[in-house]
Amino acid sequence: MNYANIVKNPNPDVYSGGYKNVMLFARRDDFLVLQKPTAAGLVLGDAVAIDTSHTFTTPDGFISWDAKQASVTIKGTTTGEDGAAQLEWSGEIIVLGDSASTQEQMRNILNDDVICLVKESACLITDAYIQLGDECVSPVFKVEFDGKTTKEGMKEYKVTITCKKKFFYTGVVTMAAEV
């Protein structure tokens, strides 16, 4: 079946917007096994749900970038022609501050093949993440820097992510060992 009734959940926390103030990412070639939806087609939603944990070889895993409070967002929009339309997802994260290591990481991520995770804001209800990218499609990153002024506030990097592959990941998140 391609469709089902969409009913309102009585718990309003399920619908609270936003994501945790962090973005996780890992280079695609760091994965030992990059999982994909395993039961696609059995239950509605299975085609975009990954419940088996991704694995890495030590010391690889996900890297964490802390974000400005309430700056992590994801939106979806339709692209393509009638009869061949797709959803394209775009996310945004703002990283505060400026340093040589931050600038170098921003430069590096522009053309790297990575998979991103952002954690659902209702994390007390479910330990779920949104995953952007898969084994064939990497998110595309754009970076914008704003140095602000002493009156305006903190320096910040705005990182915009676009990808046509979005999944709901509930597996274990392995973090990379500190370097």
Protein backbone atom coordinates (compact mmCIF):
# COMPACT_ATOMS: atom_id res chain seq x y z
CA MET A 1 0.00 0.00 0.00
CA ASN A 2 1.36 3.44 -0.95
CA TYR A 3 -0.80 5.51 1.42
CA ALA A 4 -2.36 5.35 4.87
CA ASN A 5 -4.35 7.64 7.12
CA ILE A 6 -2.30 10.31 8.86
CA VAL A 7 -3.71 10.78 12.34
CA LYS A 8 -2.88 13.29 15.04
CA ASN A 9 -0.68 12.02 17.87
CA PRO A 10 -2.14 13.03 21.28
CA ASN A 11 1.36 13.89 22.57
CA PRO A 12 2.15 17.45 21.38
CA ASP A 13 5.88 16.94 22.10
CA VAL A 14 6.04 14.64 19.07
CA TYR A 15 5.38 17.65 16.83
CA SER A 16 7.76 20.10 18.47
CA GLY A 17 9.96 21.64 15.82
CA GLY A 18 13.65 21.78 15.42
CA TYR A 19 16.66 19.67 16.11
CA LYS A 20 19.36 19.40 18.74
CA ASN A 21 22.03 22.11 18.44
CA VAL A 22 24.61 19.86 16.83
CA MET A 23 25.40 18.33 13.44
CA LEU A 24 27.16 14.99 13.16
CA PHE A 25 28.91 13.88 10.01
CA ALA A 26 31.25 11.17 8.79
CA ARG A 27 33.17 10.74 5.57
CA ARG A 28 31.62 8.02 3.42
CA ASP A 29 34.93 6.20 3.10
CA ASP A 30 35.21 5.99 6.93
CA PHE A 31 32.21 3.64 7.16
CA LEU A 32 32.88 -0.06 7.40
CA VAL A 33 29.18 -0.65 6.65
CA LEU A 34 26.85 2.20 5.71
CA GLN A 35 23.39 0.82 6.36
CA LYS A 36 20.28 1.40 4.26
CA PRO A 37 16.59 0.74 4.79
CA THR A 38 16.32 -3.01 5.34
CA ALA A 39 12.61 -3.73 5.23
CA ALA A 40 11.56 -1.42 2.43
CA GLY A 41 7.97 -2.04 1.45
CA LEU A 42 6.80 -4.17 4.38
CA VAL A 43 5.36 -1.27 6.38
CA LEU A 44 4.66 2.26 5.20
CA GLY A 45 7.72 4.33 6.15
CA ASP A 46 10.21 1.46 5.95
CA ALA A 47 11.60 2.78 2.66
CA VAL A 48 13.09 5.78 4.51
CA ALA A 49 13.84 4.22 7.92
CA ILE A 50 17.25 2.86 8.92
CA ASP A 51 17.21 0.94 12.20
CA THR A 52 20.43 -1.06 11.78
CA SER A 53 23.56 0.64 13.12
CA HIS A 54 26.23 1.99 10.81
CA THR A 55 29.67 0.57 11.61
CA PHE A 56 33.18 2.00 11.39
CA THR A 57 36.70 0.77 11.86
CA THR A 58 38.39 2.27 14.93
CA PRO A 59 39.10 5.20 15.35
CA ASP A 60 36.58 6.38 12.72
CA GLY A 61 33.04 7.50 13.45
CA PHE A 62 30.91 10.63 13.44
CA ILE A 63 32.39 14.09 14.08
CA SER A 64 30.32 16.62 16.00
CA TRP A 65 29.94 20.33 15.27
CA ASP A 66 28.17 22.32 17.98
CA ALA A 67 25.68 24.84 16.63
CA LYS A 68 24.31 28.17 17.71
CA GLN A 69 21.23 27.62 19.82
CA ALA A 70 18.08 27.02 17.75
CA SER A 71 19.98 27.31 14.45
CA VAL A 72 19.66 23.75 13.12
CA THR A 73 16.82 23.43 10.63
CA ILE A 74 15.74 21.12 7.82
CA LYS A 75 13.22 21.97 5.11
CA GLY A 76 11.98 20.09 2.09
CA THR A 77 10.74 21.36 -1.24
CA THR A 78 9.62 19.83 -4.51
CA THR A 79 11.99 19.95 -7.48
CA GLY A 80 11.67 18.61 -11.00
CA GLU A 81 9.01 18.59 -13.65
CA ASP A 82 5.44 17.39 -13.33
CA GLY A 83 5.41 13.60 -13.40
CA ALA A 84 9.10 13.47 -12.40
CA ALA A 85 9.05 15.50 -9.19
CA GLN A 86 11.28 14.73 -6.20
CA LEU A 87 11.76 16.15 -2.73
CA GLU A 88 14.99 18.02 -2.12
CA TRP A 89 16.00 18.58 1.49
CA SER A 90 17.95 21.56 2.76
CA GLY A 91 19.40 22.02 6.21
CA GLU A 92 21.12 24.85 7.95
CA ILE A 93 23.46 25.03 10.92
CA ILE A 94 25.25 28.05 12.34
CA VAL A 95 28.65 27.48 13.94
CA LEU A 96 29.81 30.27 16.22
CA GLY A 97 33.32 31.70 16.24
CA ASP A 98 36.24 31.80 13.87
CA SER A 99 39.63 30.10 14.01
CA ALA A 100 42.16 28.58 11.66
CA SER A 101 40.91 25.04 12.37
CA THR A 102 37.24 26.03 11.89
CA GLN A 103 38.00 27.77 8.59
CA GLU A 104 39.99 24.78 7.33
CA GLN A 105 37.17 22.37 8.23
CA MET A 106 34.63 24.60 6.46
CA ARG A 107 36.82 24.61 3.35
CA ASN A 108 37.28 20.83 3.50
CA ILE A 109 33.59 19.96 3.80
CA LEU A 110 32.68 21.89 0.63
CA ASN A 111 33.73 19.05 -1.68
CA ASP A 112 33.88 16.04 0.62
CA ASP A 113 31.67 12.94 0.48
CA VAL A 114 29.98 12.76 3.88
CA ILE A 115 26.80 11.56 5.54
CA CYS A 116 25.11 13.96 8.01
CA LEU A 117 22.99 13.29 11.08
CA VAL A 118 20.92 15.75 13.09
CA LYS A 119 19.12 14.63 16.24
CA GLU A 120 15.39 15.11 16.64
CA SER A 121 14.49 17.73 19.25
CA ALA A 122 12.02 15.32 20.89
CA CYS A 123 14.97 13.20 22.04
CA LEU A 124 13.31 12.21 25.32
CA ILE A 125 10.60 10.45 23.31
CA THR A 126 12.81 8.74 20.79
CA ASP A 127 16.54 8.58 20.11
CA ALA A 128 16.12 9.34 16.43
CA TYR A 129 18.17 11.22 13.87
CA ILE A 130 17.59 12.62 10.42
CA GLN A 131 20.23 11.33 8.01
CA LEU A 132 21.09 13.25 4.87
CA GLY A 133 22.89 11.23 2.22
CA ASP A 134 23.42 7.56 1.45
CA GLU A 135 26.00 5.33 -0.23
CA CYS A 136 25.37 6.94 -3.63
CA VAL A 137 24.34 10.53 -2.89
CA SER A 138 26.30 12.92 -0.68
CA PRO A 139 24.89 16.16 0.65
CA VAL A 140 26.19 19.35 -0.96
CA PHE A 141 27.57 21.99 1.39
CA LYS A 142 27.70 25.76 1.01
CA VAL A 143 29.41 27.95 3.62
CA GLU A 144 28.90 31.61 4.35
CA PHE A 145 30.92 33.59 6.93
CA ASP A 146 29.73 36.69 8.76
CA GLY A 147 32.30 38.49 10.90
CA LYS A 148 29.62 40.75 12.43
CA THR A 149 30.68 43.87 14.33
CA THR A 150 31.47 44.38 18.00
CA LYS A 151 27.93 45.73 18.34
CA GLU A 152 26.17 42.95 16.36
CA GLY A 153 27.51 39.91 18.14
CA MET A 154 29.44 36.72 17.47
CA LYS A 155 31.26 35.73 14.31
CA GLU A 156 29.51 32.82 12.63
CA TYR A 157 29.68 30.33 9.80
CA LYS A 158 26.33 29.47 8.20
CA VAL A 159 26.52 25.98 6.69
CA THR A 160 23.77 25.09 4.21
CA ILE A 161 23.27 21.44 3.28
CA THR A 162 21.19 20.18 0.34
CA CYS A 163 20.45 16.56 -0.50
CA LYS A 164 17.75 14.50 -2.21
CA LYS A 165 18.25 11.58 0.19
CA LYS A 166 16.73 11.86 3.69
CA PHE A 167 16.24 9.01 6.13
CA PHE A 168 15.11 8.42 9.71
CA TYR A 169 18.05 6.77 11.52
CA THR A 170 17.54 5.02 14.86
CA GLY A 171 20.73 2.95 15.04
CA VAL A 172 23.68 3.48 17.35
CA VAL A 173 25.78 6.58 16.70
CA THR A 174 29.49 5.79 16.92
CA MET A 175 31.60 8.85 17.57
CA ALA A 176 35.14 9.18 16.17
CA ALA A 177 37.99 8.91 18.65
CA GLU A 178 39.49 12.27 19.59
CA VAL A 179 42.59 13.11 17.58
